């Protein structure tokens, strides 16, 4: 029996996935969480085989959650959910250490195949993700987010949620001045002038749901 937890800030997404998984004789859903913080507690407490994790959530992102699970050497294997379509998939997400990568528009069959493969400790890349990575390798043009460090990517994800610099500083246990430096550095690397432009770029590259950009400030 493959045990699974669902970590996504969209209740409708979690409900849809749960309906699919509940119909499978070899799977059971142990719990759900709407934030990465709650998701991490769920993983530590229930110790599922697989966690389906949205890449971008309020507060801690799915990227940081994945990195924490990997660093803590927890038994749970992570499947990251992105909205990438035609844009370059950021290889930075592969660096986080998840074993599976799915797009939110995947079919039920693909979702189940990915969970079973990852539960068996084998990597699964959605065809759209694999194609973009292959194209990036062939033409040498990866995602612009590949230039960011893990910390810069984390700050970027918080900025587009309209979190004040001081709140980001508290969350990451850094000074506001340091966060301001990270902000300017990542904007320079991505060649965007403000957070609105950052949000657009993140949406294009599958790091942010299109409907989430309403909360973005400048």
Protein backbone atom coordinates (compact mmCIF):
# COMPACT_ATOMS: atom_id res chain seq x y z
CA UNK A 1 0.00 0.00 0.00
CA UNK A 2 1.41 3.39 -1.06
CA UNK A 3 0.68 6.13 1.48
CA UNK A 4 0.38 9.69 0.13
CA UNK A 5 -0.08 13.22 1.50
CA UNK A 6 -1.30 16.18 -0.56
CA UNK A 7 0.31 19.60 -0.04
CA UNK A 8 -1.20 22.38 -2.13
CA UNK A 9 -2.80 25.71 -1.23
CA UNK A 10 -5.63 25.09 -3.70
CA UNK A 11 -8.33 22.99 -2.03
CA UNK A 12 -9.87 22.12 -5.38
CA UNK A 13 -6.60 20.62 -6.57
CA UNK A 14 -6.25 18.54 -3.39
CA UNK A 15 -9.86 17.36 -3.68
CA UNK A 16 -9.39 16.29 -7.29
CA UNK A 17 -6.22 14.36 -6.53
CA UNK A 18 -7.80 12.72 -3.47
CA UNK A 19 -10.78 11.52 -5.50
CA UNK A 20 -8.42 9.87 -7.98
CA UNK A 21 -6.20 8.28 -5.32
CA UNK A 22 -9.10 7.03 -3.20
CA UNK A 23 -10.20 4.85 -6.13
CA UNK A 24 -6.89 2.99 -6.20
CA UNK A 25 -6.64 -0.28 -4.24
CA UNK A 26 -2.90 0.17 -3.71
CA UNK A 27 -3.00 3.79 -2.45
CA UNK A 28 -4.31 5.70 0.54
CA UNK A 29 -4.24 9.41 1.38
CA UNK A 30 -2.98 10.01 4.92
CA UNK A 31 -3.71 13.72 5.03
CA UNK A 32 -3.73 17.12 3.34
CA UNK A 33 -2.12 20.50 3.98
CA UNK A 34 -2.63 23.96 2.50
CA UNK A 35 0.82 25.31 3.38
CA UNK A 36 4.34 23.93 3.20
CA UNK A 37 4.79 24.48 6.94
CA UNK A 38 1.75 22.31 7.73
CA UNK A 39 2.88 19.90 5.04
CA UNK A 40 6.28 19.45 6.64
CA UNK A 41 4.64 18.70 9.99
CA UNK A 42 2.35 16.24 8.21
CA UNK A 43 5.29 14.48 6.58
CA UNK A 44 7.21 14.27 9.86
CA UNK A 45 4.16 13.00 11.74
CA UNK A 46 2.58 10.55 9.26
CA UNK A 47 5.75 9.47 7.40
CA UNK A 48 4.05 8.84 4.04
CA UNK A 49 5.75 7.10 1.13
CA UNK A 50 5.02 9.99 -1.25
CA UNK A 51 4.10 13.68 -0.90
CA UNK A 52 2.56 15.62 -3.78
CA UNK A 53 3.87 19.18 -3.30
CA UNK A 54 2.87 22.38 -5.10
CA UNK A 55 5.98 24.33 -6.09
CA UNK A 56 4.56 27.67 -4.98
CA UNK A 57 2.57 28.23 -1.78
CA UNK A 58 2.13 31.03 0.77
CA UNK A 59 5.06 31.24 3.18
CA UNK A 60 7.55 28.45 2.64
CA UNK A 61 7.63 27.21 -0.95
CA UNK A 62 7.50 23.65 -2.17
CA UNK A 63 11.17 24.01 -3.11
CA UNK A 64 12.24 24.75 0.47
CA UNK A 65 9.98 22.01 1.83
CA UNK A 66 11.60 19.53 -0.54
CA UNK A 67 15.10 20.64 0.45
CA UNK A 68 14.24 20.26 4.15
CA UNK A 69 12.85 16.76 3.64
CA UNK A 70 15.96 15.75 1.70
CA UNK A 71 18.36 17.29 4.25
CA UNK A 72 16.57 15.58 7.13
CA UNK A 73 16.82 12.26 5.25
CA UNK A 74 13.12 11.56 5.77
CA UNK A 75 11.73 8.46 4.06
CA UNK A 76 9.10 10.41 2.09
CA UNK A 77 9.71 10.86 -1.64
CA UNK A 78 8.59 14.20 -3.11
CA UNK A 79 6.68 14.82 -6.32
CA UNK A 80 6.74 18.52 -7.23
CA UNK A 81 3.72 19.96 -9.06
CA UNK A 82 4.38 22.82 -11.49
CA UNK A 83 2.36 24.69 -14.08
CA UNK A 84 5.11 24.64 -16.71
CA UNK A 85 3.88 24.27 -20.28
CA UNK A 86 5.99 25.64 -23.13
CA UNK A 87 8.51 27.66 -21.12
CA UNK A 88 11.90 26.41 -20.03
CA UNK A 89 11.63 24.26 -16.92
CA UNK A 90 14.04 25.61 -14.28
CA UNK A 91 16.75 23.05 -13.61
CA UNK A 92 16.97 24.74 -10.21
CA UNK A 93 13.88 22.71 -9.27
CA UNK A 94 15.75 19.50 -10.02
CA UNK A 95 18.45 20.64 -7.60
CA UNK A 96 15.89 20.68 -4.78
CA UNK A 97 16.05 16.90 -4.69
CA UNK A 98 12.51 15.79 -5.53
CA UNK A 99 12.20 12.44 -7.26
CA UNK A 100 9.17 13.34 -9.37
CA UNK A 101 8.02 16.35 -11.40
CA UNK A 102 4.46 16.67 -12.70
CA UNK A 103 2.48 19.42 -14.36
CA UNK A 104 -0.88 20.30 -12.80
CA UNK A 105 -2.56 19.55 -16.10
CA UNK A 106 -1.46 15.91 -16.08
CA UNK A 107 -3.93 13.09 -16.66
CA UNK A 108 -5.11 10.76 -13.89
CA UNK A 109 -3.11 7.92 -15.44
CA UNK A 110 0.06 9.99 -15.44
CA UNK A 111 -0.49 11.05 -11.82
CA UNK A 112 -0.86 7.44 -10.72
CA UNK A 113 2.12 6.28 -12.79
CA UNK A 114 4.30 9.00 -11.27
CA UNK A 115 3.29 8.13 -7.71
CA UNK A 116 3.95 4.41 -8.23
CA UNK A 117 7.30 5.07 -9.88
CA UNK A 118 8.46 7.51 -7.21
CA UNK A 119 7.25 5.20 -4.43
CA UNK A 120 9.61 2.64 -5.95
CA UNK A 121 12.40 5.25 -5.64
CA UNK A 122 12.62 5.81 -9.38
CA UNK A 123 12.63 9.31 -10.89
CA UNK A 124 9.63 10.50 -12.87
CA UNK A 125 9.66 13.53 -15.17
CA UNK A 126 6.46 14.67 -16.86
CA UNK A 127 6.84 14.54 -20.66
CA UNK A 128 6.48 18.35 -20.87
CA UNK A 129 9.26 18.79 -18.31
CA UNK A 130 11.54 16.23 -19.93
CA UNK A 131 11.02 17.85 -23.34
CA UNK A 132 11.93 21.30 -22.08
CA UNK A 133 15.04 20.01 -20.33
CA UNK A 134 16.08 18.19 -23.48
CA UNK A 135 15.59 21.31 -25.60
CA UNK A 136 17.57 23.38 -23.10
CA UNK A 137 20.42 20.87 -23.34
CA UNK A 138 20.38 20.94 -27.13
CA UNK A 139 20.32 24.70 -27.65
CA UNK A 140 22.06 25.74 -24.45
CA UNK A 141 19.20 27.99 -23.41
CA UNK A 142 17.92 27.04 -19.99
CA UNK A 143 15.50 28.85 -17.72
CA UNK A 144 16.59 32.28 -16.47
CA UNK A 145 15.93 30.97 -12.95
CA UNK A 146 18.85 28.57 -13.30
CA UNK A 147 21.12 31.52 -12.53
CA UNK A 148 19.62 32.00 -9.06
CA UNK A 149 20.90 30.39 -5.89
CA UNK A 150 18.44 28.38 -3.79
CA UNK A 151 18.17 31.29 -1.36
CA UNK A 152 17.56 33.82 -4.13
CA UNK A 153 14.83 31.60 -5.57
CA UNK A 154 13.23 31.34 -2.14
CA UNK A 155 13.27 35.13 -1.71
CA UNK A 156 11.80 35.56 -5.19
CA UNK A 157 8.91 33.26 -4.34
CA UNK A 158 8.14 35.26 -1.21
CA UNK A 159 8.41 38.60 -2.99
CA UNK A 160 5.73 37.69 -5.52
CA UNK A 161 3.40 36.84 -2.62
CA UNK A 162 3.67 40.52 -1.63
CA UNK A 163 5.42 39.68 1.64
CA UNK A 164 7.21 42.71 3.18
CA UNK A 165 11.01 42.50 3.32
CA UNK A 166 10.94 42.49 7.12
CA UNK A 167 8.58 39.49 7.15
CA UNK A 168 10.80 37.62 4.69
CA UNK A 169 13.79 38.45 6.89
CA UNK A 170 12.07 37.01 9.97
CA UNK A 171 10.99 33.87 8.09
CA UNK A 172 14.52 33.22 6.78
CA UNK A 173 16.26 34.39 9.96
CA UNK A 174 18.19 37.06 8.07
CA UNK A 175 18.38 40.86 8.35
CA UNK A 176 16.08 43.07 6.23
CA UNK A 177 19.21 44.58 4.67
CA UNK A 178 20.37 41.14 3.55
CA UNK A 179 16.95 40.39 2.05
CA UNK A 180 17.05 43.74 0.23
CA UNK A 181 20.43 42.74 -1.21
CA UNK A 182 19.03 39.38 -2.33
CA UNK A 183 16.09 41.15 -3.94
CA UNK A 184 18.23 43.52 -5.97
CA UNK A 185 20.65 40.78 -6.96
CA UNK A 186 17.93 38.42 -8.24
CA UNK A 187 16.16 41.21 -10.13
CA UNK A 188 19.47 42.08 -11.79
CA UNK A 189 20.16 38.45 -12.68
CA UNK A 190 16.71 38.01 -14.18
CA UNK A 191 16.85 41.41 -15.91
CA UNK A 192 13.52 42.59 -14.53
CA UNK A 193 12.93 45.96 -12.92
CA UNK A 194 10.29 45.21 -10.31
CA UNK A 195 8.35 42.45 -8.56
CA UNK A 196 5.48 42.62 -11.07
CA UNK A 197 7.92 41.72 -13.83
CA UNK A 198 9.32 38.98 -11.61
CA UNK A 199 5.83 37.53 -11.11
CA UNK A 200 5.20 37.51 -14.87
CA UNK A 201 8.50 35.70 -15.48
CA UNK A 202 7.74 33.15 -12.77
CA UNK A 203 4.29 32.51 -14.26
CA UNK A 204 5.77 31.96 -17.72
CA UNK A 205 8.29 29.45 -16.36
CA UNK A 206 5.87 27.39 -14.29
CA UNK A 207 6.89 28.68 -10.86
CA UNK A 208 3.69 30.59 -10.18
CA UNK A 209 0.06 29.92 -10.99
CA UNK A 210 -1.40 32.61 -13.25
CA UNK A 211 -4.19 33.23 -10.75
CA UNK A 212 -1.72 33.93 -7.95
CA UNK A 213 -0.27 37.11 -9.38
CA UNK A 214 -3.15 39.23 -8.04
CA UNK A 215 -1.35 39.54 -4.71
CA UNK A 216 1.86 40.88 -6.20
CA UNK A 217 3.11 44.31 -5.30
CA UNK A 218 5.98 46.28 -6.73
